Amino acid sequence: MTSRIVDETLGATVFFKCENFQRMGAFKFRGAFNALSKLAPDARARGVVAFSSGNHAQAVALAARMLGVDATIVMPDDAPASKLAATRGYGGRVVTYDRYRENREEIAEGLAAERGSTVVPPYDHPDIIAGQGTAAGELFEQTGPLDSLFVCLGGGGLLSGSALAAKALSPDCAVYGVEPETGNDGQQSLRQGSIVRIPVPETIADGAQTQALGRYTFEIIRRDVADVLTASDDELIDCMRFFATRMKIVVEPTGCLGFAAVRALGPRLAGQRVGVIVSGGNIDGDRMASLLLSRSAPGLLD
């Protein structure tokens, strides 16, 4: 999708890759389906275990249903109600935990060991990374080469996959990751040259409340990503409002990270062909209304 007012205001040509229209509402379906489709028949028969705040949970549950695989999903008890309901609706068995006191990876590993299941991580796996990268791959196929690409960053699956796609299809494109301001572990890791782990960040971008990059994702990001930027919760709310009122699409806070960085850079992008991956649109209607009402409307691109 494109927006005349965005292009005119920035003096750039901006292309939005709208993964909020993807199956189950987010890019995560790409990686989950790719990973599950590659499981050997005996592994499929033993089922899978995943851990996620919501979008990967739904993706694994839907992919598992389509492929006839039993799926157990470890989700935080404060995950958005719509994401919990959708995961169960797709047939996933949900096990909840306290994200601030318990370790989801340990819970998932324990469940998998009991059942002989395969753990399907949300981002740090080659098949997941490859699947997520198809979003940027499609964008380049649709638009041709770009000067810059902005991608939301949590654990790094989408960003690392996008960086690989850019390297292959638009090698002169500068790829930027964008994190919540309160959860800039990726930015710190890139600056320091090693993985930095932080406490669970407090942000409305629930899809990016990760504490550290993965081993696979960090190596790709360190090599192929130009920089990691951040956005505040207020900036994300402003972007949600813009998407809803001017582009008529529903975008969750995490999905607004890339556009928030583009807005902040403003005139510095003048003359460029810019890509923005809108990662998803899974947000409760009441939650979206509450967030939009919590902040007075700024100018369209202020």
Protein backbone atom coordinates (compact mmCIF):
# COMPACT_ATOMS: atom_id res chain seq x y z
CA MET A 1 0.00 0.00 0.00
CA THR A 2 1.02 3.62 -0.47
CA SER A 3 -0.13 6.93 0.97
CA ARG A 4 -0.10 10.19 -0.97
CA ILE A 5 0.16 12.31 2.19
CA VAL A 6 3.12 10.29 3.47
CA ASP A 7 4.97 10.63 0.17
CA GLU A 8 4.25 14.36 -0.10
CA THR A 9 5.21 15.08 3.51
CA LEU A 10 8.46 13.12 3.41
CA GLY A 11 9.38 13.87 -0.18
CA ALA A 12 9.94 10.14 -0.58
CA THR A 13 8.16 7.16 -2.12
CA VAL A 14 7.05 4.86 0.68
CA PHE A 15 5.77 1.31 0.21
CA PHE A 16 3.96 -0.43 3.09
CA LYS A 17 4.11 -4.24 3.10
CA CYS A 18 0.89 -4.96 5.00
CA GLU A 19 1.29 -8.22 6.86
CA ASN A 20 -1.80 -7.32 8.90
CA PHE A 21 -3.65 -8.90 5.95
CA GLN A 22 -1.66 -12.15 6.27
CA ARG A 23 -3.26 -15.41 7.41
CA MET A 24 -3.93 -15.06 11.18
CA GLY A 25 -3.15 -11.36 10.93
CA ALA A 26 0.64 -11.22 11.04
CA PHE A 27 3.87 -12.16 9.25
CA LYS A 28 4.48 -14.93 11.79
CA PHE A 29 2.46 -17.39 9.70
CA ARG A 30 5.26 -17.43 7.13
CA GLY A 31 7.92 -18.75 9.48
CA ALA A 32 5.63 -21.09 11.40
CA PHE A 33 4.28 -22.80 8.30
CA ASN A 34 7.75 -23.08 6.78
CA ALA A 35 9.17 -24.67 9.94
CA LEU A 36 6.31 -27.11 10.49
CA SER A 37 6.17 -28.13 6.84
CA LYS A 38 9.82 -29.23 7.08
CA LEU A 39 9.26 -31.59 10.03
CA ALA A 40 9.76 -35.30 9.33
CA PRO A 41 6.60 -37.46 9.58
CA ASP A 42 7.62 -38.97 12.94
CA ALA A 43 8.24 -35.49 14.38
CA ARG A 44 4.83 -34.32 13.16
CA ALA A 45 3.23 -37.28 14.89
CA ARG A 46 4.78 -36.25 18.24
CA GLY A 47 3.50 -32.68 17.94
CA VAL A 48 5.09 -29.30 18.56
CA VAL A 49 5.48 -26.86 21.43
CA ALA A 50 5.84 -23.12 20.89
CA PHE A 51 6.13 -20.06 23.13
CA SER A 52 4.84 -16.64 22.18
CA SER A 53 3.08 -13.49 23.34
CA GLY A 54 0.50 -14.01 20.63
CA ASN A 55 1.29 -13.81 16.94
CA HIS A 56 3.70 -16.76 16.75
CA ALA A 57 1.24 -18.65 18.95
CA GLN A 58 -1.57 -18.12 16.47
CA ALA A 59 0.72 -18.86 13.55
CA VAL A 60 1.88 -22.20 14.95
CA ALA A 61 -1.66 -23.16 15.94
CA LEU A 62 -3.00 -22.41 12.45
CA ALA A 63 -0.09 -24.05 10.61
CA ALA A 64 -0.40 -27.11 12.87
CA ARG A 65 -4.11 -27.41 12.13
CA MET A 66 -3.48 -27.16 8.40
CA LEU A 67 -0.75 -29.83 8.57
CA GLY A 68 -2.50 -32.15 11.04
CA VAL A 69 0.00 -31.58 13.88
CA ASP A 70 -0.82 -31.36 17.60
CA ALA A 71 0.31 -27.99 19.02
CA THR A 72 0.83 -26.77 22.58
CA ILE A 73 1.49 -23.06 22.99
CA VAL A 74 3.05 -21.38 26.05
CA MET A 75 1.62 -17.85 26.31
CA PRO A 76 1.87 -15.07 28.93
CA ASP A 77 -1.24 -14.73 31.06
CA ASP A 78 -1.43 -11.03 30.15
CA ALA A 79 -1.37 -11.63 26.38
CA PRO A 80 -4.11 -9.76 24.49
CA ALA A 81 -7.42 -11.57 24.89
CA SER A 82 -7.93 -11.68 21.14
CA LYS A 83 -4.61 -13.49 20.66
CA LEU A 84 -5.37 -16.05 23.37
CA ALA A 85 -8.82 -16.67 21.91
CA ALA A 86 -7.53 -16.94 18.35
CA THR A 87 -4.80 -19.40 19.34
CA ARG A 88 -7.36 -21.63 21.03
CA GLY A 89 -9.72 -21.13 18.10
CA TYR A 90 -7.10 -22.47 15.70
CA GLY A 91 -6.86 -25.59 17.84
CA GLY A 92 -3.77 -24.81 19.92
CA ARG A 93 -3.58 -26.08 23.51
CA VAL A 94 -2.65 -22.98 25.54
CA VAL A 95 -0.50 -23.10 28.70
CA THR A 96 -0.19 -19.69 30.40
CA TYR A 97 2.64 -18.28 32.51
CA ASP A 98 3.69 -15.03 34.25
CA ARG A 99 6.07 -13.28 31.83
CA TYR A 100 7.63 -11.22 34.64
CA ARG A 101 8.36 -14.17 36.96
CA GLU A 102 8.64 -17.32 34.86
CA ASN A 103 10.82 -18.41 31.94
CA ARG A 104 8.81 -19.40 28.89
CA GLU A 105 11.66 -21.26 27.21
CA GLU A 106 12.10 -23.49 30.27
CA ILE A 107 8.38 -24.21 30.40
CA ALA A 108 8.29 -25.08 26.70
CA GLU A 109 11.37 -27.30 26.91
CA GLY A 110 9.83 -29.14 29.88
CA LEU A 111 6.57 -29.79 28.04
CA ALA A 112 8.42 -30.93 24.93
CA ALA A 113 10.59 -33.33 26.94
CA GLU A 114 7.51 -34.88 28.56
CA ARG A 115 5.83 -35.51 25.22
CA GLY A 116 8.76 -35.97 22.85
CA SER A 117 7.58 -32.92 20.91
CA THR A 118 9.56 -30.47 18.81
CA VAL A 119 10.03 -26.94 20.11
CA VAL A 120 9.28 -24.35 17.43
CA PRO A 121 10.88 -21.09 18.66
CA PRO A 122 9.39 -17.73 17.64
CA TYR A 123 12.49 -16.40 15.89
CA ASP A 124 15.84 -18.09 16.50
CA HIS A 125 15.67 -20.92 13.96
CA PRO A 126 16.87 -21.04 10.33
CA ASP A 127 13.50 -22.23 8.99
CA ILE A 128 11.66 -19.50 10.89
CA ILE A 129 14.08 -16.82 9.64
CA ALA A 130 13.78 -18.07 6.05
CA GLY A 131 9.99 -18.04 6.23
CA GLN A 132 9.82 -14.53 7.68
CA GLY A 133 12.18 -13.25 5.00
CA THR A 134 9.62 -14.00 2.30
CA ALA A 135 7.68 -10.87 3.37
CA ALA A 136 10.55 -8.60 2.34
CA GLY A 137 11.23 -10.84 -0.63
CA GLU A 138 7.70 -10.24 -1.91
CA LEU A 139 8.05 -6.51 -1.28
CA PHE A 140 11.18 -6.30 -3.42
CA GLU A 141 9.49 -8.34 -6.15
CA GLN A 142 6.56 -5.91 -6.10
CA THR A 143 8.49 -2.64 -5.89
CA GLY A 144 11.92 -3.31 -7.31
CA PRO A 145 15.08 -2.09 -5.52
CA LEU A 146 14.66 0.16 -2.47
CA ASP A 147 17.01 2.62 -0.82
CA SER A 148 15.98 1.75 2.72
CA LEU A 149 13.78 -0.76 4.53
CA PHE A 150 12.36 -0.40 8.05
CA VAL A 151 11.42 -3.51 10.01
CA CYS A 152 10.12 -3.99 13.54
CA LEU A 153 12.48 -5.81 15.89
CA GLY A 154 11.69 -8.15 18.74
CA GLY A 155 13.71 -11.34 18.68
CA GLY A 156 14.98 -10.61 15.19
CA GLY A 157 13.37 -13.26 12.99
CA LEU A 158 11.66 -10.79 10.67
CA LEU A 159 14.59 -8.36 10.65
CA SER A 160 17.23 -10.99 9.94
CA GLY A 161 15.08 -12.61 7.26
CA SER A 162 14.44 -9.21 5.71
CA ALA A 163 18.14 -8.40 5.75
CA LEU A 164 18.90 -11.64 3.91
CA ALA A 165 16.20 -10.87 1.34
CA ALA A 166 17.57 -7.36 0.84
CA LYS A 167 21.10 -8.66 0.41
CA ALA A 168 19.92 -10.98 -2.35
CA LEU A 169 17.32 -8.82 -4.11
CA SER A 170 18.27 -5.19 -3.38
CA PRO A 171 21.90 -5.19 -2.21
CA ASP A 172 22.18 -1.40 -2.00
CA CYS A 173 19.19 -1.16 0.35
CA ALA A 174 19.99 -0.07 3.92
CA VAL A 175 17.98 -2.20 6.37
CA TYR A 176 16.96 -0.75 9.75
CA GLY A 177 15.48 -2.50 12.74
CA VAL A 178 13.09 -0.57 15.00
CA GLU A 179 12.48 -1.47 18.65
CA PRO A 180 10.37 -0.04 21.48
CA GLU A 181 12.23 2.73 23.28
CA THR A 182 12.01 0.82 26.57
CA GLY A 183 13.20 -2.44 25.01
CA ASN A 184 16.30 -1.56 23.01
CA ASP A 185 18.29 -4.72 23.63
CA GLY A 186 18.92 -5.09 19.89
CA GLN A 187 20.27 -1.56 19.64
CA GLN A 188 22.54 -2.17 22.63
CA SER A 189 23.68 -5.50 21.18
CA LEU A 190 24.56 -3.94 17.83
CA ARG A 191 26.55 -1.18 19.53
CA GLN A 192 28.33 -3.56 21.91
CA GLY A 193 29.01 -6.34 19.40
CA SER A 194 27.50 -9.08 21.57
CA ILE A 195 24.02 -10.09 22.70
CA VAL A 196 22.67 -7.91 25.50
CA ARG A 197 19.85 -9.29 27.67
CA ILE A 198 17.41 -6.91 29.40
CA PRO A 199 14.42 -7.25 31.76
CA VAL A 200 11.03 -7.69 30.11
CA PRO A 201 10.34 -4.22 28.64
CA GLU A 202 7.19 -2.37 29.56
CA THR A 203 5.68 -1.26 26.26
CA ILE A 204 2.39 -1.42 24.40
CA ALA A 205 4.26 -3.25 21.61
CA ASP A 206 3.61 -6.69 23.09
CA GLY A 207 5.08 -8.43 20.05
CA ALA A 208 8.45 -6.83 20.80
CA GLN A 209 8.65 -7.50 24.56
CA THR A 210 11.59 -9.82 24.01
CA GLN A 211 14.60 -9.71 26.30
CA ALA A 212 17.37 -10.62 23.87
CA LEU A 213 18.13 -11.39 20.26
CA GLY A 214 18.68 -14.98 19.22
CA ARG A 215 22.01 -16.55 18.37
CA TYR A 216 21.16 -16.92 14.69
CA THR A 217 19.34 -13.62 14.36
CA PHE A 218 22.06 -11.57 16.05
CA GLU A 219 24.79 -12.78 13.71
CA ILE A 220 22.75 -11.82 10.64
CA ILE A 221 21.71 -8.48 12.12
CA ARG A 222 25.28 -7.63 13.13
CA ARG A 223 26.50 -8.37 9.60
CA ASP A 224 23.68 -7.06 7.39
CA VAL A 225 21.65 -4.41 9.27
CA ALA A 226 22.64 -0.74 8.98
CA ASP A 227 21.32 0.33 12.39
CA VAL A 228 18.66 -0.27 15.04
CA LEU A 229 16.39 2.64 15.93
CA THR A 230 13.72 3.05 18.61
CA ALA A 231 10.20 4.44 18.95
CA SER A 232 8.20 5.53 21.98
CA ASP A 233 4.74 4.23 22.88
CA ASP A 234 3.27 7.67 22.10
CA GLU A 235 4.78 7.52 18.61
CA LEU A 236 3.25 4.07 18.10
CA ILE A 237 -0.19 5.35 19.10
CA ASP A 238 0.14 8.23 16.64
CA CYS A 239 0.99 5.73 13.89
CA MET A 240 -1.96 3.50 14.81
CA ARG A 241 -4.23 6.54 14.46
CA PHE A 242 -2.73 7.46 11.10
CA PHE A 243 -3.14 3.96 9.73
CA ALA A 244 -6.73 3.77 10.95
CA THR A 245 -7.89 7.23 9.86
CA ARG A 246 -5.93 7.82 6.66
CA MET A 247 -5.16 4.36 5.29
CA LYS A 248 -8.23 2.61 6.77
CA ILE A 249 -6.30 -0.34 8.16
CA VAL A 250 -5.96 -1.80 11.66
CA VAL A 251 -2.35 -2.13 12.81
CA GLU A 252 -1.22 -3.34 16.22
CA PRO A 253 1.41 -1.31 18.14
CA THR A 254 4.31 -3.59 17.19
CA GLY A 255 3.33 -3.28 13.55
CA CYS A 256 3.76 0.50 13.79
CA LEU A 257 7.44 0.44 14.78
CA GLY A 258 8.84 0.73 11.27
CA PHE A 259 6.59 3.62 10.28
CA ALA A 260 7.31 5.40 13.57
CA ALA A 261 11.01 5.47 12.66
CA VAL A 262 10.23 6.72 9.15
CA ARG A 263 8.15 9.57 10.58
CA ALA A 264 10.93 10.47 13.02
CA LEU A 265 13.58 10.57 10.27
CA GLY A 266 11.30 12.72 8.13
CA PRO A 267 13.19 14.89 5.59
CA ARG A 268 16.31 12.75 5.90
CA LEU A 269 14.54 10.22 3.69
CA ALA A 270 13.73 12.76 0.97
CA GLY A 271 14.24 11.41 -2.52
CA GLN A 272 14.42 7.79 -1.37
CA ARG A 273 12.37 4.72 -2.20
CA VAL A 274 11.45 3.42 1.24
CA GLY A 275 9.96 0.12 2.36
CA VAL A 276 8.11 -0.38 5.66
CA ILE A 277 7.02 -3.81 6.84
CA VAL A 278 3.76 -3.51 8.78
CA SER A 279 4.12 -6.69 10.79
CA GLY A 280 0.57 -7.33 12.02
CA GLY A 281 -2.88 -6.15 13.00
CA ASN A 282 -3.90 -8.32 15.94
CA ILE A 283 -5.27 -6.00 18.60
CA ASP A 284 -8.49 -6.04 20.61
CA GLY A 285 -10.97 -3.40 19.50
CA ASP A 286 -11.40 -2.13 23.06
CA ARG A 287 -7.64 -2.02 23.56
CA MET A 288 -7.14 -0.06 20.35
CA ALA A 289 -9.87 2.43 21.30
CA SER A 290 -8.35 2.85 24.75
CA LEU A 291 -4.88 3.56 23.35
CA LEU A 292 -6.15 6.07 20.80
CA LEU A 293 -8.16 7.88 23.47
CA SER A 294 -5.13 7.98 25.79
CA ARG A 295 -3.34 10.49 23.58
CA SER A 296 -4.72 13.56 21.88
CA ALA A 297 -4.47 13.54 18.10
CA PRO A 298 -1.35 15.25 16.72
CA GLY A 299 -0.93 16.55 13.19
CA LEU A 300 -1.08 13.81 10.59
CA LEU A 301 2.66 13.33 10.44
CA ASP A 302 3.85 15.36 13.44
